[in-house]
Protein backbone atom coordinates (compact mmCIF):
# COMPACT_ATOMS: atom_id res chain seq x y z
CA UNK A 1 -24.68 21.14 -16.01
CA UNK A 2 -22.78 21.21 -19.32
CA UNK A 3 -21.63 18.11 -21.14
CA UNK A 4 -18.03 18.95 -20.30
CA UNK A 5 -18.87 19.34 -16.61
CA UNK A 6 -20.75 16.03 -16.61
CA UNK A 7 -17.79 14.30 -18.23
CA UNK A 8 -15.41 15.80 -15.67
CA UNK A 9 -17.65 14.67 -12.79
CA UNK A 10 -17.86 11.15 -14.19
CA UNK A 11 -14.09 11.08 -14.61
CA UNK A 12 -13.63 12.09 -10.97
CA UNK A 13 -16.02 9.34 -9.88
CA UNK A 14 -14.13 6.64 -11.75
CA UNK A 15 -10.84 8.07 -10.53
CA UNK A 16 -12.09 7.86 -6.93
CA UNK A 17 -12.66 4.12 -7.43
CA UNK A 18 -8.92 3.65 -7.96
CA UNK A 19 -8.03 5.21 -4.56
CA UNK A 20 -5.43 7.52 -6.14
CA UNK A 21 -3.68 8.43 -2.88
CA UNK A 22 -3.08 4.77 -2.07
CA UNK A 23 -2.05 3.95 -5.64
CA UNK A 24 0.36 6.89 -5.72
CA UNK A 25 2.30 5.41 -2.79
CA UNK A 26 2.23 1.97 -4.44
CA UNK A 27 3.61 3.39 -7.68
CA UNK A 28 6.21 5.46 -5.83
CA UNK A 29 7.79 2.47 -4.06
CA UNK A 30 7.55 0.41 -7.26
CA UNK A 31 9.52 3.07 -9.14
CA UNK A 32 12.09 3.17 -6.32
CA UNK A 33 12.45 -0.59 -6.76
CA UNK A 34 13.15 -0.04 -10.47
CA UNK A 35 16.01 2.37 -9.76
CA UNK A 36 17.49 0.25 -6.97
CA UNK A 37 17.58 -2.79 -9.27
CA UNK A 38 20.47 -1.46 -11.36
CA UNK A 39 23.75 0.33 -10.58
CA UNK A 40 23.05 2.98 -13.19
CA UNK A 41 19.80 4.31 -14.57
CA UNK A 42 17.15 1.73 -15.50
CA UNK A 43 15.90 1.49 -19.10
CA UNK A 44 13.41 4.26 -19.84
CA UNK A 45 10.93 1.84 -21.40
CA UNK A 46 10.87 -0.41 -18.36
CA UNK A 47 10.27 2.57 -16.07
CA UNK A 48 7.56 4.17 -18.20
CA UNK A 49 5.61 1.07 -19.19
CA UNK A 50 6.23 -0.65 -15.85
CA UNK A 51 4.84 2.37 -14.01
CA UNK A 52 1.80 2.57 -16.27
CA UNK A 53 1.04 -1.13 -16.03
CA UNK A 54 1.49 -1.37 -12.26
CA UNK A 55 -0.61 1.77 -11.71
CA UNK A 56 -3.46 0.49 -13.89
CA UNK A 57 -3.59 -2.92 -12.19
CA UNK A 58 -3.35 -1.34 -8.74
CA UNK A 59 -6.25 0.95 -9.65
CA UNK A 60 -8.26 -2.04 -10.85
CA UNK A 61 -7.62 -3.87 -7.57
CA UNK A 62 -8.80 -0.82 -5.64
CA UNK A 63 -11.96 -0.65 -7.76
CA UNK A 64 -12.72 -4.33 -7.09
CA UNK A 65 -12.19 -3.64 -3.40
CA UNK A 66 -14.77 -0.83 -3.63
CA UNK A 67 -17.15 -3.15 -5.49
CA UNK A 68 -16.91 -5.97 -2.95
CA UNK A 69 -17.11 -3.67 0.07
CA UNK A 70 -19.79 -1.23 -1.10
CA UNK A 71 -22.27 -2.32 1.57
CA UNK A 72 -19.59 -2.11 4.26
CA UNK A 73 -18.47 1.29 2.95
CA UNK A 74 -22.02 2.59 3.29
CA UNK A 75 -21.87 1.88 7.04
CA UNK A 76 -18.61 3.71 7.66
CA UNK A 77 -18.25 7.48 7.92
CA UNK A 78 -14.82 7.37 6.27
CA UNK A 79 -16.05 5.56 3.14
CA UNK A 80 -19.75 6.28 2.70
CA UNK A 81 -19.03 9.07 0.17
CA UNK A 82 -17.29 6.69 -2.23
CA UNK A 83 -18.97 6.44 -5.66
CA UNK A 84 -20.70 3.08 -5.09
CA UNK A 85 -22.33 3.63 -1.68
CA UNK A 86 -23.18 7.19 -2.73
CA UNK A 87 -25.03 5.82 -5.79
CA UNK A 88 -22.87 7.70 -8.30
CA UNK A 89 -21.77 4.53 -10.09
CA UNK A 90 -23.30 1.07 -10.47
CA UNK A 91 -21.73 -2.29 -9.76
CA UNK A 92 -21.69 -3.13 -13.47
CA UNK A 93 -19.95 0.12 -14.36
CA UNK A 94 -17.34 -0.56 -11.68
CA UNK A 95 -16.77 -4.15 -12.81
CA UNK A 96 -16.37 -3.12 -16.46
CA UNK A 97 -14.07 -0.28 -15.51
CA UNK A 98 -11.88 -2.50 -13.31
CA UNK A 99 -11.72 -5.17 -15.99
CA UNK A 100 -10.78 -2.63 -18.66
CA UNK A 101 -7.96 -0.87 -16.81
CA UNK A 102 -6.73 -4.08 -15.18
CA UNK A 103 -6.64 -5.93 -18.47
CA UNK A 104 -4.89 -3.01 -20.16
CA UNK A 105 -2.33 -2.85 -17.38
CA UNK A 106 -1.53 -6.56 -17.65
CA UNK A 107 -1.30 -6.28 -21.44
CA UNK A 108 1.17 -3.39 -21.15
CA UNK A 109 3.30 -5.31 -18.65
CA UNK A 110 3.34 -8.48 -20.74
CA UNK A 111 4.05 -6.84 -24.10
CA UNK A 112 6.17 -3.83 -23.11
CA UNK A 113 7.97 -4.98 -19.93
CA UNK A 114 8.28 -8.74 -19.34
CA UNK A 115 6.03 -11.73 -18.56
CA UNK A 116 7.41 -12.19 -15.03
CA UNK A 117 6.30 -8.70 -14.00
CA UNK A 118 2.87 -9.32 -15.49
CA UNK A 119 2.42 -12.59 -13.58
CA UNK A 120 3.68 -11.11 -10.33
CA UNK A 121 1.35 -8.15 -10.74
CA UNK A 122 -1.58 -10.45 -11.49
CA UNK A 123 -0.77 -12.43 -8.35
CA UNK A 124 -0.67 -9.21 -6.35
CA UNK A 125 -4.07 -8.23 -7.78
CA UNK A 126 -5.58 -11.58 -6.76
CA UNK A 127 -3.96 -11.35 -3.34
CA UNK A 128 -5.46 -7.94 -2.59
CA UNK A 129 -8.79 -7.98 -4.43
CA UNK A 130 -9.73 -11.58 -3.64
CA UNK A 131 -7.65 -13.12 -0.83
CA UNK A 132 -7.51 -10.03 1.39
CA UNK A 133 -10.79 -8.28 0.53
CA UNK A 134 -13.07 -11.30 0.17
CA UNK A 135 -11.52 -13.96 2.41
CA UNK A 136 -9.32 -12.42 5.10
CA UNK A 137 -10.79 -9.03 5.98
CA UNK A 138 -14.18 -10.30 7.22
CA UNK A 139 -12.73 -13.44 8.80
CA UNK A 140 -9.74 -12.66 11.02
CA UNK A 141 -8.21 -9.76 12.97
CA UNK A 142 -4.89 -10.78 11.42
CA UNK A 143 -6.25 -9.78 8.00
CA UNK A 144 -3.86 -6.88 7.59
CA UNK A 145 -0.86 -8.98 8.65
CA UNK A 146 -1.49 -11.82 6.21
CA UNK A 147 -3.00 -9.63 3.51
CA UNK A 148 -0.11 -7.21 3.89
CA UNK A 149 1.92 -9.47 1.61
CA UNK A 150 0.04 -8.08 -1.39
CA UNK A 151 0.62 -4.51 -0.32
CA UNK A 152 4.35 -5.19 0.09
CA UNK A 153 4.84 -6.39 -3.49
CA UNK A 154 5.26 -3.10 -5.44
CA UNK A 155 9.07 -2.77 -5.06
CA UNK A 156 9.39 -6.42 -6.13
CA UNK A 157 7.29 -5.64 -9.20
CA UNK A 158 9.48 -2.64 -9.99
CA UNK A 159 12.63 -4.70 -9.56
CA UNK A 160 11.32 -7.44 -11.84
CA UNK A 161 10.32 -4.88 -14.47
CA UNK A 162 13.96 -3.81 -14.83
CA UNK A 163 15.87 -7.06 -14.30
CA UNK A 164 13.41 -9.78 -15.25
CA UNK A 165 14.00 -11.59 -11.99
CA UNK A 166 13.54 -11.24 -8.22
CA UNK A 167 16.76 -10.78 -6.24
CA UNK A 168 17.18 -11.11 -2.45
CA UNK A 169 17.43 -7.31 -2.23
CA UNK A 170 13.96 -7.01 -3.74
CA UNK A 171 12.61 -9.41 -1.12
CA UNK A 172 14.18 -7.25 1.57
CA UNK A 173 12.24 -4.25 0.26
CA UNK A 174 9.15 -6.45 0.40
CA UNK A 175 9.92 -7.33 4.03
CA UNK A 176 10.22 -3.68 5.04
CA UNK A 177 6.74 -2.84 3.74
CA UNK A 178 5.30 -6.10 5.08
CA UNK A 179 6.43 -5.27 8.64
CA UNK A 180 5.45 -1.59 8.22
CA UNK A 181 1.84 -2.41 7.27
CA UNK A 182 0.43 -3.53 10.68
CA UNK A 183 1.50 -0.49 12.75
CA UNK A 184 0.46 1.76 9.87
CA UNK A 185 -3.01 0.26 9.53
CA UNK A 186 -3.70 -0.40 13.21
CA UNK A 187 -3.02 3.24 14.07
CA UNK A 188 -5.88 4.05 11.68
CA UNK A 189 -8.09 1.28 13.09
CA UNK A 190 -7.73 2.66 16.62
CA UNK A 191 -9.43 5.96 15.87
CA UNK A 192 -11.88 4.36 13.42
CA UNK A 193 -13.03 1.59 15.79
CA UNK A 194 -16.67 2.67 15.71
CA UNK A 195 -16.70 2.50 11.92
CA UNK A 196 -15.38 -1.05 11.92
CA UNK A 197 -17.83 -2.04 14.65
CA UNK A 198 -20.73 -0.69 12.57
CA UNK A 199 -19.48 -2.65 9.58
CA UNK A 200 -19.03 -5.86 11.59
CA UNK A 201 -15.38 -6.30 10.65
CA UNK A 202 -13.14 -8.18 13.12
CA UNK A 203 -10.41 -5.57 13.40
CA UNK A 204 -7.80 -6.01 16.12
CA UNK A 205 -9.01 -3.15 18.40
CA UNK A 206 -12.46 -4.79 18.45
CA UNK A 207 -11.41 -8.41 18.93
CA UNK A 208 -8.47 -7.91 21.31
CA UNK A 209 -9.04 -4.43 22.65
CA UNK A 210 -7.27 -1.09 22.11
CA UNK A 211 -4.58 -1.72 24.76
CA UNK A 212 -3.46 -4.93 23.08
CA UNK A 213 -3.53 -3.21 19.68
CA UNK A 214 -1.33 -0.38 20.94
CA UNK A 215 1.13 -2.94 22.32
CA UNK A 216 1.24 -4.69 18.96
CA UNK A 217 1.96 -1.35 17.28
CA UNK A 218 4.96 -0.87 19.58
CA UNK A 219 6.27 -4.40 18.95
CA UNK A 220 5.82 -4.24 15.19
CA UNK A 221 7.47 -0.82 15.09
CA UNK A 222 10.46 -2.24 16.98
CA UNK A 223 10.62 -5.05 14.43
CA UNK A 224 10.32 -2.51 11.62
CA UNK A 225 13.26 -0.46 12.89
CA UNK A 226 15.36 -3.66 13.04
CA UNK A 227 14.31 -4.76 9.55
CA UNK A 228 15.12 -1.37 8.02
CA UNK A 229 18.75 -1.79 9.16
CA UNK A 230 19.18 -4.89 6.99
CA UNK A 231 19.90 -3.00 3.73
CA UNK A 232 22.94 -1.51 5.47
CA UNK A 233 23.88 -4.86 7.01
CA UNK A 234 24.02 -6.58 3.61
CA UNK A 235 25.78 -3.58 2.02
CA UNK A 236 22.83 -2.75 -0.18
CA UNK A 237 23.02 0.78 1.21
CA UNK A 238 25.49 3.01 3.01
CA UNK A 239 25.74 5.33 5.97
CA UNK A 240 23.43 7.98 4.53
CA UNK A 241 20.58 5.50 4.47
CA UNK A 242 21.54 4.12 7.87
CA UNK A 243 21.26 7.58 9.43
CA UNK A 244 17.89 8.14 7.76
CA UNK A 245 16.57 4.72 8.84
CA UNK A 246 17.61 5.28 12.45
CA UNK A 247 16.21 8.81 12.57
CA UNK A 248 12.91 8.03 10.86
CA UNK A 249 12.50 4.80 12.81
CA UNK A 250 13.27 6.51 16.09
CA UNK A 251 10.50 9.05 15.52
CA UNK A 252 8.07 6.28 14.53
CA UNK A 253 8.94 4.38 17.69
CA UNK A 254 8.41 7.50 19.80
CA UNK A 255 4.94 7.85 18.27
CA UNK A 256 4.18 4.19 18.99
CA UNK A 257 5.35 4.35 22.62
CA UNK A 258 3.47 7.57 23.27
CA UNK A 259 0.38 6.04 21.70
CA UNK A 260 0.69 3.08 24.07
CA UNK A 261 1.24 5.18 27.18
CA UNK A 262 -1.16 8.08 26.61
CA UNK A 263 -3.71 7.31 23.89
CA UNK A 264 -5.81 9.88 22.10
CA UNK A 265 -7.57 9.85 18.74
CA UNK A 266 -5.53 12.87 17.69
CA UNK A 267 -2.26 11.07 18.44
CA UNK A 268 -3.46 7.94 16.66
CA UNK A 269 -4.34 10.03 13.61
CA UNK A 270 -0.93 11.73 13.74
CA UNK A 271 0.79 8.33 13.98
CA UNK A 272 -1.09 7.11 10.93
CA UNK A 273 -0.15 10.20 8.93
CA UNK A 274 3.47 9.95 9.99
CA UNK A 275 3.60 6.29 8.97
CA UNK A 276 2.77 7.26 5.38
CA UNK A 277 5.38 10.00 5.33
CA UNK A 278 7.85 7.61 6.99
CA UNK A 279 7.63 5.00 4.24
CA UNK A 280 8.00 7.57 1.47
CA UNK A 281 10.98 9.18 3.22
CA UNK A 282 12.64 5.82 3.95
CA UNK A 283 12.47 4.68 0.32
CA UNK A 284 13.60 8.11 -0.83
CA UNK A 285 16.65 7.73 1.44
CA UNK A 286 17.36 4.34 -0.14
CA UNK A 287 17.25 5.91 -3.59
CA UNK A 288 19.46 8.88 -2.68
CA UNK A 289 21.97 6.62 -0.96
CA UNK A 290 21.99 4.30 -4.00
CA UNK A 291 23.30 7.06 -6.27
CA UNK A 292 25.26 8.93 -3.60
CA UNK A 293 27.77 6.15 -2.99
């Protein structure tokens, strides 16, 4: 293998530590938060440097998650090919890498955006990498509910990057993602139950059973549909968003009800995939409506 090929392989291994698909959704909703924070276009510097800083810190949090859970990942079919359980990278390399990109991200946010965004992003990092990964995930089946607060922060970070504060509208965006997280994650947990059993993690389908989990997915999806109507209720958005929220939420609820009534792994997988598309489409509708009115 040539030097260039080795360098490319190593780059791909470090990139895999950052969970780029997850981080891309985080960055996407953070950027939406930046644009929703102002009537016109947000400052270019805040968008560029805010995006870079949030992406770097999110990647560092993902790498720490991989570091902490490497033994668990080795027991799960979905994660055993990650760089650490596969033996491609060492724990020290991962720690140094996470520290480097995380530190750089915080530096960029502090110097090029504003201190509030840096502190909020640092808090989000601690919430995900430490509170959720180390404390909650192995201890309680409500891990994804409580720990979901960290995953719901990106639009708040984006809002703070542009305005330097946190408005009620930003907290509403937080609430949408917070309520979205349980049905999104539990639909994955249902068809990955064996993996979580092998890893000894107290996920809801294992501790309370699949039927109870499917019921919770229905109830949380109902709550999600209600919460997504609040931007229209407080006049943060208009009828274009309202139509999108009702349509997207209706489909999500149909998935959840069908999953409850006639479960299959294929349907659970489809529900999980739709939930990702749903969140991206919902926030896109918010953005389009913001400039349409």
